[in-house]
Amino acid sequence: MFTGTAEELRKREDRAHQIAQQIAALITEAEALGLGPARGEIHLPGASVRRRGEGWTITR
């Protein structure tokens, strides 16, 4: 459990969001190989990566 300040929490959540963006970019790149779509969701502390139509969305 996180026990730091609100500012530290915000910074860590922002970093989790950045990591989720990187994951979505890698999944998109892997799908571009034409071997089939990725499926499912990836849940991180502070962010989730989900399939939406032809792309991926990142939520907090």
C-alpha atoms as a PDB file:
ATOM      1  CA  MET A   1       0.000   0.000   0.000  1.00  0.00           C
ATOM      2  CA  PHE A   2       1.284   3.457  -0.918  1.00  0.00           C
ATOM      3  CA  THR A   3       1.959   5.660   2.110  1.00  0.00           C
ATOM      4  CA  GLY A   4       3.585   8.730   0.511  1.00  0.00           C
ATOM      5  CA  THR A   5       2.252  12.193  -0.153  1.00  0.00           C
ATOM      6  CA  ALA A   6      -0.515  13.108  -2.576  1.00  0.00           C
ATOM      7  CA  GLU A   7       2.110  14.680  -4.867  1.00  0.00           C
ATOM      8  CA  GLU A   8       4.182  11.472  -4.891  1.00  0.00           C
ATOM      9  CA  LEU A   9       1.050   9.470  -5.665  1.00  0.00           C
ATOM     10  CA  ARG A  10       0.188  11.751  -8.598  1.00  0.00           C
ATOM     11  CA  LYS A  11       3.717  11.416  -9.998  1.00  0.00           C
ATOM     12  CA  ARG A  12       3.601   7.635  -9.724  1.00  0.00           C
ATOM     13  CA  GLU A  13       0.174   7.476 -11.345  1.00  0.00           C
ATOM     14  CA  ASP A  14       1.459   9.685 -14.162  1.00  0.00           C
ATOM     15  CA  ARG A  15       4.409   7.316 -14.643  1.00  0.00           C
ATOM     16  CA  ALA A  16       2.049   4.310 -14.681  1.00  0.00           C
ATOM     17  CA  HIS A  17       0.033   6.093 -17.391  1.00  0.00           C
ATOM     18  CA  GLN A  18       3.223   6.627 -19.433  1.00  0.00           C
ATOM     19  CA  ILE A  19       4.096   2.937 -19.102  1.00  0.00           C
ATOM     20  CA  ALA A  20       0.577   2.009 -20.245  1.00  0.00           C
ATOM     21  CA  GLN A  21       1.059   4.215 -23.325  1.00  0.00           C
ATOM     22  CA  GLN A  22       4.293   2.385 -24.114  1.00  0.00           C
ATOM     23  CA  ILE A  23       2.552  -0.980 -23.736  1.00  0.00           C
ATOM     24  CA  ALA A  24      -0.236   0.104 -26.096  1.00  0.00           C
ATOM     25  CA  ALA A  25       2.357   1.221 -28.670  1.00  0.00           C
ATOM     26  CA  LEU A  26       4.161  -2.133 -28.445  1.00  0.00           C
ATOM     27  CA  ILE A  27       0.914  -4.089 -28.834  1.00  0.00           C
ATOM     28  CA  THR A  28       0.002  -1.986 -31.869  1.00  0.00           C
ATOM     29  CA  GLU A  29       3.451  -2.635 -33.355  1.00  0.00           C
ATOM     30  CA  ALA A  30       3.115  -6.385 -32.747  1.00  0.00           C
ATOM     31  CA  GLU A  31      -0.329  -6.422 -34.376  1.00  0.00           C
ATOM     32  CA  ALA A  32       1.108  -4.663 -37.424  1.00  0.00           C
ATOM     33  CA  LEU A  33       3.064  -7.862 -38.121  1.00  0.00           C
ATOM     34  CA  GLY A  34      -0.230  -9.243 -39.427  1.00  0.00           C
ATOM     35  CA  LEU A  35      -0.304 -12.389 -37.300  1.00  0.00           C
ATOM     36  CA  GLY A  36      -3.634 -11.549 -35.688  1.00  0.00           C
ATOM     37  CA  PRO A  37      -5.031  -9.203 -33.090  1.00  0.00           C
ATOM     38  CA  ALA A  38      -4.075  -9.072 -29.434  1.00  0.00           C
ATOM     39  CA  ARG A  39      -6.928  -9.607 -27.011  1.00  0.00           C
ATOM     40  CA  GLY A  40      -7.850  -8.674 -23.495  1.00  0.00           C
ATOM     41  CA  GLU A  41      -6.809  -6.039 -21.041  1.00  0.00           C
ATOM     42  CA  ILE A  42      -3.685  -5.205 -19.082  1.00  0.00           C
ATOM     43  CA  HIS A  43      -4.154  -3.765 -15.610  1.00  0.00           C
ATOM     44  CA  LEU A  44      -1.383  -1.803 -13.959  1.00  0.00           C
ATOM     45  CA  PRO A  45      -1.442   0.060 -10.681  1.00  0.00           C
ATOM     46  CA  GLY A  46      -2.926   3.397 -11.719  1.00  0.00           C
ATOM     47  CA  ALA A  47      -3.687   2.528 -15.353  1.00  0.00           C
ATOM     48  CA  SER A  48      -5.324  -0.011 -17.660  1.00  0.00           C
ATOM     49  CA  VAL A  49      -4.783  -0.798 -21.340  1.00  0.00           C
ATOM     50  CA  ARG A  50      -7.935  -1.988 -23.135  1.00  0.00           C
ATOM     51  CA  ARG A  51      -8.863  -2.902 -26.694  1.00  0.00           C
ATOM     52  CA  ARG A  52     -11.190  -0.353 -28.281  1.00  0.00           C
ATOM     53  CA  GLY A  53     -12.166  -1.021 -31.862  1.00  0.00           C
ATOM     54  CA  GLU A  54      -9.011  -1.070 -33.963  1.00  0.00           C
ATOM     55  CA  GLY A  55      -6.792   0.449 -31.286  1.00  0.00           C
ATOM     56  CA  TRP A  56      -6.036   0.567 -27.600  1.00  0.00           C
ATOM     57  CA  THR A  57      -7.082   3.030 -24.915  1.00  0.00           C
ATOM     58  CA  ILE A  58      -5.372   3.870 -21.668  1.00  0.00           C
ATOM     59  CA  THR A  59      -7.458   4.707 -18.623  1.00  0.00           C
ATOM     60  CA  ARG A  60      -6.516   5.711 -15.114  1.00  0.00           C
END
